[in-house]
Amino acid sequence: MKILVTGAQGFIARALVTALTPEHEVFALCRRDARFDQPNVTVIQADLSVPANLRVLPSRIDCVVHLAQSSRFRDWPAAEAAQDIFGVNVLATQALLAYAQQAGAGQFLQASTGSVYSPSAQRQSEQAPTAPSGYYAATKLAAEVLARPYDALFATCALRLFFPYGPGQTDRLMSDLIGRVASGRAISLRGDADGFRFNPTYVDDIVTVIVHAVETQWRGVVNVAAPETISLREAGCLIGAALGREAVFEVLEGAPPLPVLPALDELQARLPELRCRGFADGVRATVAAHQP
């Protein structure tokens, strides 16, 4: 297949390009110039935060995998950051959906986020109410809504990802935790001794899901997460074990935050053979990749 991957320089997308190239022709859409060692990769440079000149894209494509995200997501509510986030997550999604129709695509797959759900003590299925509290998650949900009518023209699928981590990741929860433990800075736990609970998901497992979703033309919304649920304290201790040093914690006053935990029945039904990497093993691989 001919597959367009947006945000191809990104943490998940770069691993996806590597996984796709043995069997497929990949067009890697990047904001900046990039190089890939794999064969069957054509690099296309375009900034999706502004109206994209889609004439640079191939005239025919079989599948669009939209993984691009704004690097300004932590800068909201600064006006320029908001525009960048909206441009990549919403405007670019619409432009790429129109392109997919014109280019004869059979599928449009986009990365969304588990943050579209309301925090709750209950696990959230794909049918649970959505109520994103952050601007980034709100734009991701808007992109999902934009894609739904196009399902009458080609398969559309939104993968709601939960806490991806792995080698090469920066500026996210897990990379922050690793940095804190490595430097001896405290991990803050609000309201109780263990902190919030979450499902960290190793990058290779996310890539496995995306490849299967592309090759079998998934439709609809699917939660993507490892089944293992751990607390923030457990995560810190396991990171400390991988680094060979003790994690430091501080317990702050205030109510502990409610988690956003995924129900994974849909994922297991679609990909029953998926065996996700355990966090202790995954964090050892992540830490080892960062060490000289």
Protein backbone atom coordinates (compact mmCIF):
# COMPACT_ATOMS: atom_id res chain seq x y z
CA MET A 1 0.00 0.00 0.00
CA LYS A 2 0.91 3.67 -0.39
CA ILE A 3 0.65 5.18 3.10
CA LEU A 4 0.98 8.83 4.12
CA VAL A 5 2.22 9.29 7.71
CA THR A 6 2.01 12.82 9.12
CA GLY A 7 4.24 14.02 11.91
CA ALA A 8 6.73 11.42 10.74
CA GLN A 9 9.57 12.92 12.79
CA GLY A 10 7.58 12.32 15.96
CA PHE A 11 8.09 9.76 18.68
CA ILE A 12 5.42 7.25 17.60
CA ALA A 13 5.42 8.08 13.88
CA ARG A 14 9.14 7.47 13.37
CA ALA A 15 8.79 3.99 14.87
CA LEU A 16 5.70 3.43 12.71
CA VAL A 17 7.57 4.36 9.52
CA THR A 18 10.22 1.76 10.40
CA ALA A 19 7.54 -0.89 10.94
CA LEU A 20 5.66 -0.12 7.71
CA THR A 21 8.52 0.09 5.22
CA PRO A 22 9.23 -3.63 4.78
CA GLU A 23 5.79 -4.15 3.23
CA HIS A 24 4.53 -0.71 2.16
CA GLU A 25 5.55 2.49 0.38
CA VAL A 26 5.59 5.29 2.94
CA PHE A 27 5.31 9.04 2.38
CA ALA A 28 6.67 10.72 5.51
CA LEU A 29 5.20 14.20 6.01
CA CYS A 30 7.46 16.28 8.29
CA ARG A 31 7.44 19.89 9.47
CA ARG A 32 11.22 20.07 9.07
CA ASP A 33 13.60 18.32 6.72
CA ALA A 34 14.26 14.76 7.89
CA ARG A 35 16.15 11.63 6.92
CA PHE A 36 15.09 8.00 7.27
CA ASP A 37 17.42 5.04 6.93
CA GLN A 38 14.70 2.70 5.68
CA PRO A 39 13.98 2.10 1.99
CA ASN A 40 10.56 2.88 0.50
CA VAL A 41 10.32 6.24 2.33
CA THR A 42 9.68 9.52 0.53
CA VAL A 43 10.06 12.60 2.76
CA ILE A 44 7.63 15.48 2.18
CA GLN A 45 8.18 18.75 4.05
CA ALA A 46 5.13 20.80 5.05
CA ASP A 47 3.96 22.78 8.10
CA LEU A 48 0.47 21.60 9.06
CA SER A 49 -0.06 24.44 11.55
CA VAL A 50 -0.86 26.72 8.61
CA PRO A 51 -3.00 25.96 5.55
CA ALA A 52 -1.01 23.21 3.88
CA ASN A 53 -0.15 23.20 0.21
CA LEU A 54 -1.43 19.70 -0.42
CA ARG A 55 -0.17 19.77 -3.99
CA VAL A 56 3.09 18.43 -2.55
CA LEU A 57 1.31 15.20 -1.58
CA PRO A 58 1.09 12.21 -3.93
CA SER A 59 -1.87 12.22 -6.30
CA ARG A 60 -2.92 8.73 -5.18
CA ILE A 61 -2.76 7.23 -1.70
CA ASP A 62 -4.23 4.15 -0.05
CA CYS A 63 -4.19 5.26 3.59
CA VAL A 64 -3.54 8.41 5.62
CA VAL A 65 -2.19 7.99 9.17
CA HIS A 66 -2.45 11.38 10.89
CA LEU A 67 -0.03 11.39 13.84
CA ALA A 68 1.19 14.99 13.64
CA GLN A 69 0.81 17.08 16.78
CA SER A 70 1.74 20.58 17.76
CA SER A 71 4.95 21.05 19.74
CA ARG A 72 3.28 24.01 21.47
CA PHE A 73 0.73 22.00 23.48
CA ARG A 74 2.27 23.01 26.82
CA ASP A 75 2.22 26.73 25.91
CA TRP A 76 -1.57 27.15 25.84
CA PRO A 77 -3.32 29.61 26.41
CA ALA A 78 -0.75 31.75 24.60
CA ALA A 79 -2.46 32.87 21.39
CA GLU A 80 0.25 31.61 19.05
CA ALA A 81 0.28 28.22 20.79
CA ALA A 82 -3.50 27.92 20.56
CA GLN A 83 -3.36 28.69 16.85
CA ASP A 84 -0.61 26.13 16.31
CA ILE A 85 -2.52 23.41 18.20
CA PHE A 86 -5.77 24.19 16.39
CA GLY A 87 -3.99 24.30 13.04
CA VAL A 88 -2.38 20.87 13.40
CA ASN A 89 -5.22 19.07 15.19
CA VAL A 90 -8.28 20.54 13.46
CA LEU A 91 -7.52 22.52 10.29
CA ALA A 92 -4.95 20.01 9.08
CA THR A 93 -7.29 17.13 9.84
CA GLN A 94 -9.95 18.63 7.61
CA ALA A 95 -7.43 19.34 4.85
CA LEU A 96 -6.12 15.78 5.03
CA LEU A 97 -9.62 14.29 5.02
CA ALA A 98 -10.39 16.22 1.84
CA TYR A 99 -7.07 15.11 0.39
CA ALA A 100 -7.81 11.47 1.28
CA GLN A 101 -11.09 11.67 -0.63
CA GLN A 102 -9.45 13.24 -3.69
CA ALA A 103 -6.52 10.80 -3.64
CA GLY A 104 -8.73 7.71 -3.50
CA ALA A 105 -7.77 6.60 0.00
CA GLY A 106 -9.47 3.59 1.51
CA GLN A 107 -8.77 4.60 5.10
CA PHE A 108 -8.03 7.62 7.30
CA LEU A 109 -6.59 6.78 10.71
CA GLN A 110 -5.85 9.43 13.32
CA ALA A 111 -4.22 9.41 16.74
CA SER A 112 -6.48 10.78 19.46
CA THR A 113 -6.06 10.74 23.23
CA GLY A 114 -7.63 9.13 26.27
CA SER A 115 -7.85 12.64 27.72
CA VAL A 116 -11.09 13.18 25.80
CA TYR A 117 -12.84 11.28 28.63
CA SER A 118 -13.85 12.74 31.97
CA PRO A 119 -11.73 11.56 34.91
CA SER A 120 -13.63 8.85 36.73
CA ALA A 121 -13.25 5.96 39.14
CA GLN A 122 -14.80 3.80 36.41
CA ARG A 123 -12.99 2.50 33.35
CA GLN A 124 -13.98 4.38 30.22
CA SER A 125 -15.27 2.47 27.21
CA GLU A 126 -15.40 3.99 23.74
CA GLN A 127 -19.08 4.74 24.36
CA ALA A 128 -18.42 6.73 27.56
CA PRO A 129 -19.25 10.45 27.57
CA THR A 130 -16.46 12.72 26.40
CA ALA A 131 -15.71 15.96 28.21
CA PRO A 132 -12.12 17.10 27.63
CA SER A 133 -10.97 19.72 30.10
CA GLY A 134 -7.80 20.73 28.24
CA TYR A 135 -7.51 22.58 24.95
CA TYR A 136 -5.29 19.93 23.35
CA ALA A 137 -7.78 17.14 24.12
CA ALA A 138 -10.66 19.34 22.98
CA THR A 139 -9.05 19.79 19.57
CA LYS A 140 -8.38 16.05 19.33
CA LEU A 141 -12.06 15.35 19.97
CA ALA A 142 -13.02 17.97 17.38
CA ALA A 143 -10.84 16.15 14.85
CA GLU A 144 -12.62 12.88 15.64
CA VAL A 145 -15.99 14.53 15.05
CA LEU A 146 -14.83 16.03 11.75
CA ALA A 147 -13.79 12.61 10.47
CA ARG A 148 -17.03 10.78 11.24
CA PRO A 149 -19.07 11.89 8.20
CA TYR A 150 -16.21 10.83 5.92
CA ASP A 151 -16.77 7.25 7.03
CA ALA A 152 -19.43 7.12 4.33
CA LEU A 153 -16.61 7.63 1.78
CA PHE A 154 -13.77 5.57 3.28
CA ALA A 155 -12.91 3.85 6.55
CA THR A 156 -12.17 6.29 9.37
CA CYS A 157 -10.64 5.28 12.68
CA ALA A 158 -9.57 7.19 15.80
CA LEU A 159 -7.16 5.50 18.19
CA ARG A 160 -7.39 7.00 21.68
CA LEU A 161 -3.88 6.52 23.07
CA PHE A 162 -3.13 6.27 26.80
CA PHE A 163 0.25 7.40 28.14
CA PRO A 164 2.65 6.33 25.39
CA TYR A 165 6.30 6.01 26.44
CA GLY A 166 9.56 4.56 25.18
CA PRO A 167 13.03 5.44 23.88
CA GLY A 168 13.32 8.85 22.27
CA GLN A 169 10.30 10.43 23.91
CA THR A 170 10.62 13.94 25.34
CA ASP A 171 8.40 16.45 27.14
CA ARG A 172 5.82 13.92 28.33
CA LEU A 173 4.87 12.33 31.65
CA MET A 174 7.24 9.37 31.47
CA SER A 175 10.24 11.34 30.24
CA ASP A 176 9.59 13.85 33.03
CA LEU A 177 9.44 11.07 35.65
CA ILE A 178 12.68 9.54 34.37
CA GLY A 179 14.35 12.95 34.47
CA ARG A 180 13.17 13.54 38.02
CA VAL A 181 14.40 10.22 39.33
CA ALA A 182 17.73 10.54 37.48
CA SER A 183 18.36 14.01 38.94
CA GLY A 184 17.05 13.28 42.44
CA ARG A 185 14.10 15.65 42.16
CA ALA A 186 10.92 14.66 43.97
CA ILE A 187 7.87 13.20 42.26
CA SER A 188 4.76 14.92 43.62
CA LEU A 189 1.89 12.75 44.84
CA ARG A 190 -1.25 14.70 45.61
CA GLY A 191 -3.66 13.58 48.28
CA ASP A 192 -2.45 10.06 49.07
CA ALA A 193 0.65 7.95 49.30
CA ASP A 194 0.53 6.47 45.83
CA GLY A 195 -0.66 9.19 43.46
CA PHE A 196 -2.95 8.71 40.50
CA ARG A 197 -3.20 5.45 38.57
CA PHE A 198 -2.63 5.11 34.84
CA ASN A 199 -1.86 2.69 31.99
CA PRO A 200 1.58 3.39 30.48
CA THR A 201 1.82 1.92 26.97
CA TYR A 202 5.11 1.06 25.29
CA VAL A 203 5.65 2.62 21.87
CA ASP A 204 6.24 -0.70 20.06
CA ASP A 205 2.85 -1.97 21.23
CA ILE A 206 1.14 1.18 19.92
CA VAL A 207 2.90 0.71 16.58
CA THR A 208 1.75 -2.92 16.44
CA VAL A 209 -1.85 -1.75 16.88
CA ILE A 210 -1.54 0.95 14.21
CA VAL A 211 -0.01 -1.43 11.65
CA HIS A 212 -2.78 -3.97 12.25
CA ALA A 213 -5.44 -1.25 12.08
CA VAL A 214 -4.05 -0.04 8.75
CA GLU A 215 -3.66 -3.47 7.18
CA THR A 216 -7.16 -4.60 8.22
CA GLN A 217 -8.90 -1.21 7.74
CA TRP A 218 -10.30 -0.61 11.22
CA ARG A 219 -13.23 1.76 11.58
CA GLY A 220 -14.60 3.60 14.59
CA VAL A 221 -13.01 4.54 17.90
CA VAL A 222 -10.65 2.24 19.82
CA ASN A 223 -8.90 2.74 23.17
CA VAL A 224 -5.23 1.78 22.91
CA ALA A 225 -3.42 1.01 26.15
CA ALA A 226 -1.51 -1.72 27.94
CA PRO A 227 -3.70 -3.64 30.40
CA GLU A 228 -1.29 -3.03 33.30
CA THR A 229 -2.45 -0.24 35.63
CA ILE A 230 0.11 1.23 38.01
CA SER A 231 0.30 4.14 40.43
CA LEU A 232 2.62 7.11 40.10
CA ARG A 233 4.60 5.83 43.11
CA GLU A 234 4.97 2.38 41.52
CA ALA A 235 6.15 4.01 38.30
CA GLY A 236 8.75 6.05 40.19
CA CYS A 237 10.03 3.02 42.06
CA LEU A 238 10.36 0.95 38.88
CA ILE A 239 12.16 3.81 37.15
CA GLY A 240 14.47 4.03 40.16
CA ALA A 241 15.21 0.31 39.93
CA ALA A 242 16.05 0.70 36.23
CA LEU A 243 18.35 3.64 36.96
CA GLY A 244 19.93 2.06 40.04
CA ARG A 245 18.85 4.85 42.36
CA GLU A 246 16.01 5.47 44.77
CA ALA A 247 13.09 7.61 43.68
CA VAL A 248 12.16 10.58 45.91
CA PHE A 249 8.52 11.46 46.57
CA GLU A 250 6.64 14.34 48.16
CA VAL A 251 2.99 14.09 49.21
CA LEU A 252 1.08 17.34 48.69
CA GLU A 253 -2.18 18.43 50.25
CA GLY A 254 -5.41 18.26 48.29
CA ALA A 255 -7.71 15.66 46.88
CA PRO A 256 -6.06 13.00 44.73
CA PRO A 257 -6.93 13.41 41.05
CA LEU A 258 -9.36 10.96 39.55
CA PRO A 259 -7.76 8.76 36.90
CA VAL A 260 -8.73 8.23 33.28
CA LEU A 261 -8.53 4.46 32.90
CA PRO A 262 -9.42 2.69 29.65
CA ALA A 263 -11.73 -0.23 29.10
CA LEU A 264 -9.92 -2.46 26.62
CA ASP A 265 -12.64 -4.88 25.50
CA GLU A 266 -12.77 -3.38 22.00
CA LEU A 267 -9.00 -3.54 21.52
CA GLN A 268 -8.87 -7.14 22.75
CA ALA A 269 -11.72 -8.13 20.43
CA ARG A 270 -9.98 -6.62 17.39
CA LEU A 271 -6.46 -7.76 18.22
CA PRO A 272 -6.68 -10.70 20.65
CA GLU A 273 -3.09 -11.76 20.02
CA LEU A 274 -1.68 -8.43 21.29
CA ARG A 275 0.69 -8.97 24.22
CA CYS A 276 1.82 -5.64 25.63
CA ARG A 277 5.22 -5.12 27.19
CA GLY A 278 5.17 -4.95 30.99
CA PHE A 279 6.12 -1.60 32.47
CA ALA A 280 9.16 -2.86 34.40
CA ASP A 281 10.65 -4.27 31.18
CA GLY A 282 9.58 -1.29 29.06
CA VAL A 283 11.08 1.27 31.39
CA ARG A 284 14.37 -0.65 31.51
CA ALA A 285 14.53 -0.49 27.71
CA THR A 286 13.65 3.21 27.78
CA VAL A 287 16.29 4.06 30.36
CA ALA A 288 18.94 1.96 28.60
CA ALA A 289 18.33 3.82 25.34
CA HIS A 290 19.00 7.15 27.07
CA GLN A 291 22.22 6.07 28.75
CA PRO A 292 25.56 6.49 26.94
